[in-house]
Amino acid sequence: MAERVIETLCSEGCPVGGVAATLARGWPDAPILDLVLAIASGCDAVERMFGPDGPSGTRAREGWQVATLIATDLRAMQVMGLTGDCARDLLSYWQNHDPYFLTWDVTA
């Protein structure tokens, strides 16, 4: 998953926000926080390789925001009493309650 994140962050043609749905669809059985960890690890790796400045650094900052928003979605799911065990549950939440990440998804 982290490799997919790094590829996205280093490719200016891919919207960073789209990585959330890409990971959720690619690893539907993964725990939601594993997606957050993969995005955070990918962002950290890109920042270490290329520094915080420039296009990759900017995209890494966007990735950190994506990771934060996914964690926030998980908390919202918990408050609503929804199942939030795996990425498949996250996709369902997005489809039924908050389509923000699906609007970024270039594979939808």
C-alpha atoms as a PDB file:
ATOM      1  CA  MET A   1       0.000   0.000   0.000  1.00  0.00           C
ATOM      2  CA  ALA A   2       2.766   2.444   0.870  1.00  0.00           C
ATOM      3  CA  GLU A   3       4.327   1.878  -2.555  1.00  0.00           C
ATOM      4  CA  ARG A   4       1.043   2.858  -4.214  1.00  0.00           C
ATOM      5  CA  VAL A   5       0.978   6.009  -2.086  1.00  0.00           C
ATOM      6  CA  ILE A   6       4.548   6.903  -3.056  1.00  0.00           C
ATOM      7  CA  GLU A   7       3.734   6.363  -6.734  1.00  0.00           C
ATOM      8  CA  THR A   8       0.744   8.674  -6.415  1.00  0.00           C
ATOM      9  CA  LEU A   9       2.681  11.356  -4.570  1.00  0.00           C
ATOM     10  CA  CYS A  10       5.442  11.332  -7.172  1.00  0.00           C
ATOM     11  CA  SER A  11       3.072  11.434 -10.150  1.00  0.00           C
ATOM     12  CA  GLU A  12       1.724  14.903 -10.766  1.00  0.00           C
ATOM     13  CA  GLY A  13      -1.005  13.472 -13.013  1.00  0.00           C
ATOM     14  CA  CYS A  14      -2.732  11.611 -10.159  1.00  0.00           C
ATOM     15  CA  PRO A  15      -4.872  13.520  -7.654  1.00  0.00           C
ATOM     16  CA  VAL A  16      -3.584  12.861  -4.131  1.00  0.00           C
ATOM     17  CA  GLY A  17      -7.128  12.646  -2.769  1.00  0.00           C
ATOM     18  CA  GLY A  18      -7.771   9.714  -5.075  1.00  0.00           C
ATOM     19  CA  VAL A  19      -5.312   7.526  -3.191  1.00  0.00           C
ATOM     20  CA  ALA A  20      -7.859   6.934  -0.413  1.00  0.00           C
ATOM     21  CA  ALA A  21     -10.397   5.182  -2.646  1.00  0.00           C
ATOM     22  CA  THR A  22      -7.629   3.463  -4.602  1.00  0.00           C
ATOM     23  CA  LEU A  23      -6.271   1.871  -1.421  1.00  0.00           C
ATOM     24  CA  ALA A  24      -9.725   1.019  -0.084  1.00  0.00           C
ATOM     25  CA  ARG A  25     -10.667  -0.720  -3.322  1.00  0.00           C
ATOM     26  CA  GLY A  26      -7.306  -2.421  -3.711  1.00  0.00           C
ATOM     27  CA  TRP A  27      -7.232  -3.744  -0.145  1.00  0.00           C
ATOM     28  CA  PRO A  28     -10.902  -4.021   0.905  1.00  0.00           C
ATOM     29  CA  ASP A  29     -10.154  -6.369   3.812  1.00  0.00           C
ATOM     30  CA  ALA A  30      -7.395  -4.185   5.292  1.00  0.00           C
ATOM     31  CA  PRO A  31      -8.124  -2.537   8.638  1.00  0.00           C
ATOM     32  CA  ILE A  32      -8.964   1.131   8.098  1.00  0.00           C
ATOM     33  CA  LEU A  33      -6.047   2.334  10.192  1.00  0.00           C
ATOM     34  CA  ASP A  34      -3.715   0.329   7.931  1.00  0.00           C
ATOM     35  CA  LEU A  35      -4.720   2.703   5.132  1.00  0.00           C
ATOM     36  CA  VAL A  36      -3.886   5.652   7.370  1.00  0.00           C
ATOM     37  CA  LEU A  37      -0.531   4.071   8.228  1.00  0.00           C
ATOM     38  CA  ALA A  38       0.271   3.352   4.585  1.00  0.00           C
ATOM     39  CA  ILE A  39      -0.471   6.940   3.583  1.00  0.00           C
ATOM     40  CA  ALA A  40       1.541   8.334   6.484  1.00  0.00           C
ATOM     41  CA  SER A  41       4.459   6.011   5.687  1.00  0.00           C
ATOM     42  CA  GLY A  42       4.355   6.986   2.017  1.00  0.00           C
ATOM     43  CA  CYS A  43       4.266  10.688   2.846  1.00  0.00           C
ATOM     44  CA  ASP A  44       7.170  10.314   5.248  1.00  0.00           C
ATOM     45  CA  ALA A  45       9.215   8.424   2.654  1.00  0.00           C
ATOM     46  CA  VAL A  46       8.589  11.052  -0.025  1.00  0.00           C
ATOM     47  CA  GLU A  47       9.493  13.878   2.340  1.00  0.00           C
ATOM     48  CA  ARG A  48      12.712  12.086   3.326  1.00  0.00           C
ATOM     49  CA  MET A  49      13.668  11.444  -0.324  1.00  0.00           C
ATOM     50  CA  PHE A  50      12.742  14.793  -1.832  1.00  0.00           C
ATOM     51  CA  GLY A  51      12.436  17.179   1.099  1.00  0.00           C
ATOM     52  CA  PRO A  52       9.445  19.262   2.102  1.00  0.00           C
ATOM     53  CA  ASP A  53       9.735  21.697  -0.789  1.00  0.00           C
ATOM     54  CA  GLY A  54       8.888  21.260  -4.439  1.00  0.00           C
ATOM     55  CA  PRO A  55       6.038  19.359  -6.056  1.00  0.00           C
ATOM     56  CA  SER A  56       6.573  16.084  -4.187  1.00  0.00           C
ATOM     57  CA  GLY A  57       6.782  17.843  -0.828  1.00  0.00           C
ATOM     58  CA  THR A  58       3.577  19.713  -1.538  1.00  0.00           C
ATOM     59  CA  ARG A  59       1.856  16.493  -2.548  1.00  0.00           C
ATOM     60  CA  ALA A  60       3.150  14.772   0.593  1.00  0.00           C
ATOM     61  CA  ARG A  61       1.490  17.478   2.699  1.00  0.00           C
ATOM     62  CA  GLU A  62      -1.741  16.787   0.826  1.00  0.00           C
ATOM     63  CA  GLY A  63      -1.260  13.101   1.630  1.00  0.00           C
ATOM     64  CA  TRP A  64      -0.948  13.864   5.345  1.00  0.00           C
ATOM     65  CA  GLN A  65      -4.309  15.647   5.089  1.00  0.00           C
ATOM     66  CA  VAL A  66      -5.836  12.591   3.392  1.00  0.00           C
ATOM     67  CA  ALA A  67      -4.573  10.349   6.204  1.00  0.00           C
ATOM     68  CA  THR A  68      -6.052  12.704   8.797  1.00  0.00           C
ATOM     69  CA  LEU A  69      -9.409  12.805   7.044  1.00  0.00           C
ATOM     70  CA  ILE A  70      -9.595   9.011   6.814  1.00  0.00           C
ATOM     71  CA  ALA A  71      -8.973   8.775  10.565  1.00  0.00           C
ATOM     72  CA  THR A  72     -11.694  11.381  11.058  1.00  0.00           C
ATOM     73  CA  ASP A  73     -14.069   9.340   8.904  1.00  0.00           C
ATOM     74  CA  LEU A  74     -13.330   6.293  11.054  1.00  0.00           C
ATOM     75  CA  ARG A  75     -14.243   8.256  14.165  1.00  0.00           C
ATOM     76  CA  ALA A  76     -17.434   9.517  12.507  1.00  0.00           C
ATOM     77  CA  MET A  77     -18.346   5.922  11.683  1.00  0.00           C
ATOM     78  CA  GLN A  78     -17.837   4.935  15.315  1.00  0.00           C
ATOM     79  CA  VAL A  79     -20.000   7.795  16.574  1.00  0.00           C
ATOM     80  CA  MET A  80     -22.748   6.791  14.133  1.00  0.00           C
ATOM     81  CA  GLY A  81     -22.582   3.175  15.326  1.00  0.00           C
ATOM     82  CA  LEU A  82     -21.462   1.912  11.928  1.00  0.00           C
ATOM     83  CA  THR A  83     -19.177  -1.032  11.357  1.00  0.00           C
ATOM     84  CA  GLY A  84     -15.699   0.328  10.775  1.00  0.00           C
ATOM     85  CA  ASP A  85     -13.448  -2.686  10.717  1.00  0.00           C
ATOM     86  CA  CYS A  86     -12.049  -2.711   7.206  1.00  0.00           C
ATOM     87  CA  ALA A  87     -11.627  -0.631   4.071  1.00  0.00           C
ATOM     88  CA  ARG A  88     -14.786  -2.139   2.589  1.00  0.00           C
ATOM     89  CA  ASP A  89     -16.734  -0.522   5.453  1.00  0.00           C
ATOM     90  CA  LEU A  90     -15.038   2.782   4.707  1.00  0.00           C
ATOM     91  CA  LEU A  91     -16.119   2.593   1.055  1.00  0.00           C
ATOM     92  CA  SER A  92     -19.683   1.950   2.191  1.00  0.00           C
ATOM     93  CA  TYR A  93     -19.526   4.961   4.511  1.00  0.00           C
ATOM     94  CA  TRP A  94     -18.288   7.151   1.675  1.00  0.00           C
ATOM     95  CA  GLN A  95     -21.011   5.911  -0.672  1.00  0.00           C
ATOM     96  CA  ASN A  96     -23.799   6.454   1.849  1.00  0.00           C
ATOM     97  CA  HIS A  97     -22.689   9.356   4.045  1.00  0.00           C
ATOM     98  CA  ASP A  98     -19.663  11.313   2.818  1.00  0.00           C
ATOM     99  CA  PRO A  99     -18.621  10.972  -0.841  1.00  0.00           C
ATOM    100  CA  TYR A 100     -15.698  13.410  -0.579  1.00  0.00           C
ATOM    101  CA  PHE A 101     -13.005  10.849  -1.400  1.00  0.00           C
ATOM    102  CA  LEU A 102     -15.085   9.298  -4.139  1.00  0.00           C
ATOM    103  CA  THR A 103     -15.128  12.641  -5.976  1.00  0.00           C
ATOM    104  CA  TRP A 104     -11.313  12.459  -6.169  1.00  0.00           C
ATOM    105  CA  ASP A 105     -11.293   8.862  -7.312  1.00  0.00           C
ATOM    106  CA  VAL A 106     -10.190   8.634 -10.924  1.00  0.00           C
ATOM    107  CA  THR A 107     -11.036   4.893 -11.096  1.00  0.00           C
ATOM    108  CA  ALA A 108     -14.716   5.211 -10.127  1.00  0.00           C
END
